[in-house]
Amino acid sequence: MKKCLFPFLLFLLLTVVACAQANDEKGVAAAVAKFNQAMVSADKSQLERLTAAELSYGHSSGNIQDKAAFVEDVVSGPFDFLTIDAADETITMAGNTAVVRHVFSSKATNNGTPTDIRIGVMQVWQKQRGEWKLLARQAYKL
């Protein structure tokens, strides 16, 4: 009887783990989508809610911002995001941390001048108190 029970319990445990990971991936994907929408709408409260206090936000230009500087820049800075698309997105889970990679494309204005953006992005999301928070982001030129 013990020989039959062990494989069943192992299968059950693996199924539970796989389902939890799939739910976490869906949660991260939803957080990324909310974050991109918050950038388009320049929603300060949503940006603050979706980012960790320890945020390190790296731009493809090499500029690095903390949480306060990043949020202020999106809300009041010269860039106005009109659209954001995150193509070819991959999510890799590692416990309560997720690494997200995608191609970031945007139509925007910079001081009123139309501009198109296409860069690669890597984000690190961490589950804090049951919510996914952006901990780090680094963009790079394609």
C-alpha atoms as a PDB file:
ATOM      1  CA  MET A   1       0.000   0.000   0.000  1.00  0.00           C
ATOM      2  CA  LYS A   2       2.834   2.411   0.834  1.00  0.00           C
ATOM      3  CA  LYS A   3       4.340   1.889  -2.634  1.00  0.00           C
ATOM      4  CA  CYS A   4       1.067   2.968  -4.279  1.00  0.00           C
ATOM      5  CA  LEU A   5       0.516   5.934  -1.985  1.00  0.00           C
ATOM      6  CA  PHE A   6       3.916   7.614  -2.497  1.00  0.00           C
ATOM      7  CA  PRO A   7       3.598   8.148  -6.284  1.00  0.00           C
ATOM      8  CA  PHE A   8       0.078   9.484  -5.812  1.00  0.00           C
ATOM      9  CA  LEU A   9       1.198  11.990  -3.137  1.00  0.00           C
ATOM     10  CA  LEU A  10       4.175  13.044  -5.259  1.00  0.00           C
ATOM     11  CA  PHE A  11       1.892  13.582  -8.252  1.00  0.00           C
ATOM     12  CA  LEU A  12      -0.538  15.580  -6.119  1.00  0.00           C
ATOM     13  CA  LEU A  13       2.254  17.777  -4.744  1.00  0.00           C
ATOM     14  CA  LEU A  14       3.682  18.453  -8.214  1.00  0.00           C
ATOM     15  CA  THR A  15       0.217  19.348  -9.493  1.00  0.00           C
ATOM     16  CA  VAL A  16      -0.330  21.828  -6.653  1.00  0.00           C
ATOM     17  CA  VAL A  17       3.102  23.427  -7.270  1.00  0.00           C
ATOM     18  CA  ALA A  18       2.474  23.680 -11.028  1.00  0.00           C
ATOM     19  CA  CYS A  19      -0.918  25.326 -10.473  1.00  0.00           C
ATOM     20  CA  ALA A  20       0.524  27.812  -7.985  1.00  0.00           C
ATOM     21  CA  GLN A  21       3.305  28.738 -10.421  1.00  0.00           C
ATOM     22  CA  ALA A  22       0.814  29.204 -13.268  1.00  0.00           C
ATOM     23  CA  ASN A  23      -1.296  31.474 -11.042  1.00  0.00           C
ATOM     24  CA  ASP A  24       1.794  33.480 -10.079  1.00  0.00           C
ATOM     25  CA  GLU A  25       2.736  33.905 -13.754  1.00  0.00           C
ATOM     26  CA  LYS A  26      -0.778  35.176 -14.482  1.00  0.00           C
ATOM     27  CA  GLY A  27      -0.508  37.567 -11.535  1.00  0.00           C
ATOM     28  CA  VAL A  28       2.820  38.915 -12.777  1.00  0.00           C
ATOM     29  CA  ALA A  29       1.484  39.336 -16.317  1.00  0.00           C
ATOM     30  CA  ALA A  30      -1.506  41.247 -14.936  1.00  0.00           C
ATOM     31  CA  ALA A  31       0.801  43.467 -12.850  1.00  0.00           C
ATOM     32  CA  VAL A  32       2.944  44.243 -15.925  1.00  0.00           C
ATOM     33  CA  ALA A  33      -0.184  45.189 -17.897  1.00  0.00           C
ATOM     34  CA  LYS A  34      -1.445  47.416 -15.053  1.00  0.00           C
ATOM     35  CA  PHE A  35       1.988  49.024 -14.770  1.00  0.00           C
ATOM     36  CA  ASN A  36       2.085  49.828 -18.508  1.00  0.00           C
ATOM     37  CA  GLN A  37      -1.436  51.267 -18.347  1.00  0.00           C
ATOM     38  CA  ALA A  38      -0.460  53.364 -15.317  1.00  0.00           C
ATOM     39  CA  MET A  39       2.441  54.797 -17.340  1.00  0.00           C
ATOM     40  CA  VAL A  40       0.100  55.709 -20.205  1.00  0.00           C
ATOM     41  CA  SER A  41      -2.420  57.337 -17.873  1.00  0.00           C
ATOM     42  CA  ALA A  42       0.339  58.827 -15.649  1.00  0.00           C
ATOM     43  CA  ASP A  43      -1.555  57.434 -12.661  1.00  0.00           C
ATOM     44  CA  LYS A  44       0.631  58.342  -9.680  1.00  0.00           C
ATOM     45  CA  SER A  45      -1.211  56.248  -7.101  1.00  0.00           C
ATOM     46  CA  GLN A  46      -1.179  53.155  -9.314  1.00  0.00           C
ATOM     47  CA  LEU A  47       2.538  53.605 -10.134  1.00  0.00           C
ATOM     48  CA  GLU A  48       3.322  53.923  -6.427  1.00  0.00           C
ATOM     49  CA  ARG A  49       1.200  50.874  -5.605  1.00  0.00           C
ATOM     50  CA  LEU A  50       2.885  48.703  -8.276  1.00  0.00           C
ATOM     51  CA  THR A  51       6.494  49.611  -7.457  1.00  0.00           C
ATOM     52  CA  ALA A  52       8.643  48.511  -4.533  1.00  0.00           C
ATOM     53  CA  ALA A  53      10.130  51.096  -2.177  1.00  0.00           C
ATOM     54  CA  GLU A  54      13.572  49.855  -3.270  1.00  0.00           C
ATOM     55  CA  LEU A  55      12.872  50.354  -7.011  1.00  0.00           C
ATOM     56  CA  SER A  56      15.879  50.712  -9.311  1.00  0.00           C
ATOM     57  CA  TYR A  57      14.600  51.897 -12.697  1.00  0.00           C
ATOM     58  CA  GLY A  58      17.218  51.860 -15.462  1.00  0.00           C
ATOM     59  CA  HIS A  59      16.688  53.603 -18.787  1.00  0.00           C
ATOM     60  CA  SER A  60      18.328  52.623 -22.082  1.00  0.00           C
ATOM     61  CA  SER A  61      20.215  55.944 -21.913  1.00  0.00           C
ATOM     62  CA  GLY A  62      21.995  54.764 -18.764  1.00  0.00           C
ATOM     63  CA  ASN A  63      19.984  57.021 -16.439  1.00  0.00           C
ATOM     64  CA  ILE A  64      18.916  55.256 -13.233  1.00  0.00           C
ATOM     65  CA  GLN A  65      16.063  56.453 -11.022  1.00  0.00           C
ATOM     66  CA  ASP A  66      14.737  55.492  -7.616  1.00  0.00           C
ATOM     67  CA  LYS A  67      11.013  55.122  -7.008  1.00  0.00           C
ATOM     68  CA  ALA A  68      10.318  58.790  -6.231  1.00  0.00           C
ATOM     69  CA  ALA A  69      12.231  60.085  -9.260  1.00  0.00           C
ATOM     70  CA  PHE A  70      10.644  57.519 -11.588  1.00  0.00           C
ATOM     71  CA  VAL A  71       7.070  58.241 -10.481  1.00  0.00           C
ATOM     72  CA  GLU A  72       7.598  62.009 -10.613  1.00  0.00           C
ATOM     73  CA  ASP A  73       9.136  61.734 -14.096  1.00  0.00           C
ATOM     74  CA  VAL A  74       6.170  59.745 -15.473  1.00  0.00           C
ATOM     75  CA  VAL A  75       3.601  62.032 -13.840  1.00  0.00           C
ATOM     76  CA  SER A  76       5.242  65.423 -14.502  1.00  0.00           C
ATOM     77  CA  GLY A  77       8.183  64.864 -16.843  1.00  0.00           C
ATOM     78  CA  PRO A  78       8.609  65.772 -20.509  1.00  0.00           C
ATOM     79  CA  PHE A  79       7.597  62.297 -21.780  1.00  0.00           C
ATOM     80  CA  ASP A  80       3.936  61.533 -22.356  1.00  0.00           C
ATOM     81  CA  PHE A  81       3.270  57.885 -23.219  1.00  0.00           C
ATOM     82  CA  LEU A  82       0.326  57.573 -25.603  1.00  0.00           C
ATOM     83  CA  THR A  83       0.559  53.803 -26.135  1.00  0.00           C
ATOM     84  CA  ILE A  84       2.698  50.998 -24.738  1.00  0.00           C
ATOM     85  CA  ASP A  85       3.009  47.498 -26.148  1.00  0.00           C
ATOM     86  CA  ALA A  86       5.023  44.716 -24.485  1.00  0.00           C
ATOM     87  CA  ALA A  87       5.700  42.140 -27.220  1.00  0.00           C
ATOM     88  CA  ASP A  88       7.436  38.767 -26.977  1.00  0.00           C
ATOM     89  CA  GLU A  89       6.970  38.732 -23.213  1.00  0.00           C
ATOM     90  CA  THR A  90       8.507  35.918 -21.188  1.00  0.00           C
ATOM     91  CA  ILE A  91       8.092  35.359 -17.458  1.00  0.00           C
ATOM     92  CA  THR A  92      10.493  33.204 -15.465  1.00  0.00           C
ATOM     93  CA  MET A  93       9.494  32.390 -11.897  1.00  0.00           C
ATOM     94  CA  ALA A  94      11.956  31.886  -9.019  1.00  0.00           C
ATOM     95  CA  GLY A  95      10.000  31.581  -5.783  1.00  0.00           C
ATOM     96  CA  ASN A  96       8.488  34.953  -4.898  1.00  0.00           C
ATOM     97  CA  THR A  97      10.470  36.657  -7.677  1.00  0.00           C
ATOM     98  CA  ALA A  98       9.755  36.885 -11.394  1.00  0.00           C
ATOM     99  CA  VAL A  99      11.994  37.981 -14.250  1.00  0.00           C
ATOM    100  CA  VAL A 100      10.037  39.518 -17.111  1.00  0.00           C
ATOM    101  CA  ARG A 101      11.535  40.282 -20.510  1.00  0.00           C
ATOM    102  CA  HIS A 102       9.798  41.959 -23.421  1.00  0.00           C
ATOM    103  CA  VAL A 103      10.190  44.344 -26.317  1.00  0.00           C
ATOM    104  CA  PHE A 104       8.786  47.702 -25.210  1.00  0.00           C
ATOM    105  CA  SER A 105       7.223  49.724 -28.034  1.00  0.00           C
ATOM    106  CA  SER A 106       5.577  53.061 -27.455  1.00  0.00           C
ATOM    107  CA  LYS A 107       4.162  56.049 -29.226  1.00  0.00           C
ATOM    108  CA  ALA A 108       4.890  59.070 -27.088  1.00  0.00           C
ATOM    109  CA  THR A 109       5.692  62.748 -27.087  1.00  0.00           C
ATOM    110  CA  ASN A 110       8.837  64.291 -25.666  1.00  0.00           C
ATOM    111  CA  ASN A 111       8.242  67.948 -24.827  1.00  0.00           C
ATOM    112  CA  GLY A 112       5.370  67.837 -27.329  1.00  0.00           C
ATOM    113  CA  THR A 113       7.415  66.286 -30.140  1.00  0.00           C
ATOM    114  CA  PRO A 114       6.110  62.915 -31.355  1.00  0.00           C
ATOM    115  CA  THR A 115       8.515  60.012 -30.881  1.00  0.00           C
ATOM    116  CA  ASP A 116       8.453  56.252 -31.271  1.00  0.00           C
ATOM    117  CA  ILE A 117      10.299  54.032 -28.802  1.00  0.00           C
ATOM    118  CA  ARG A 118      11.411  50.432 -29.323  1.00  0.00           C
ATOM    119  CA  ILE A 119      13.714  48.979 -26.667  1.00  0.00           C
ATOM    120  CA  GLY A 120      14.341  45.739 -24.849  1.00  0.00           C
ATOM    121  CA  VAL A 121      13.322  45.579 -21.201  1.00  0.00           C
ATOM    122  CA  MET A 122      14.078  43.273 -18.312  1.00  0.00           C
ATOM    123  CA  GLN A 123      12.018  43.673 -15.145  1.00  0.00           C
ATOM    124  CA  VAL A 124      12.309  42.000 -11.756  1.00  0.00           C
ATOM    125  CA  TRP A 125       9.027  41.640  -9.881  1.00  0.00           C
ATOM    126  CA  GLN A 126       8.809  40.514  -6.260  1.00  0.00           C
ATOM    127  CA  LYS A 127       5.783  39.352  -4.318  1.00  0.00           C
ATOM    128  CA  GLN A 128       5.540  41.568  -1.228  1.00  0.00           C
ATOM    129  CA  ARG A 129       2.668  41.080   1.233  1.00  0.00           C
ATOM    130  CA  GLY A 130       0.737  39.139  -1.398  1.00  0.00           C
ATOM    131  CA  GLU A 131       1.126  41.735  -4.191  1.00  0.00           C
ATOM    132  CA  TRP A 132       3.521  41.845  -7.129  1.00  0.00           C
ATOM    133  CA  LYS A 133       5.818  44.892  -7.017  1.00  0.00           C
ATOM    134  CA  LEU A 134       8.329  46.076  -9.604  1.00  0.00           C
ATOM    135  CA  LEU A 135      11.705  45.884  -7.858  1.00  0.00           C
ATOM    136  CA  ALA A 136      14.049  46.580 -10.777  1.00  0.00           C
ATOM    137  CA  ARG A 137      13.859  47.436 -14.450  1.00  0.00           C
ATOM    138  CA  GLN A 138      16.603  47.811 -17.013  1.00  0.00           C
ATOM    139  CA  ALA A 139      16.064  48.877 -20.614  1.00  0.00           C
ATOM    140  CA  TYR A 140      18.546  48.385 -23.425  1.00  0.00           C
ATOM    141  CA  LYS A 141      18.805  49.515 -27.010  1.00  0.00           C
ATOM    142  CA  LEU A 142      17.831  47.064 -29.724  1.00  0.00           C
END
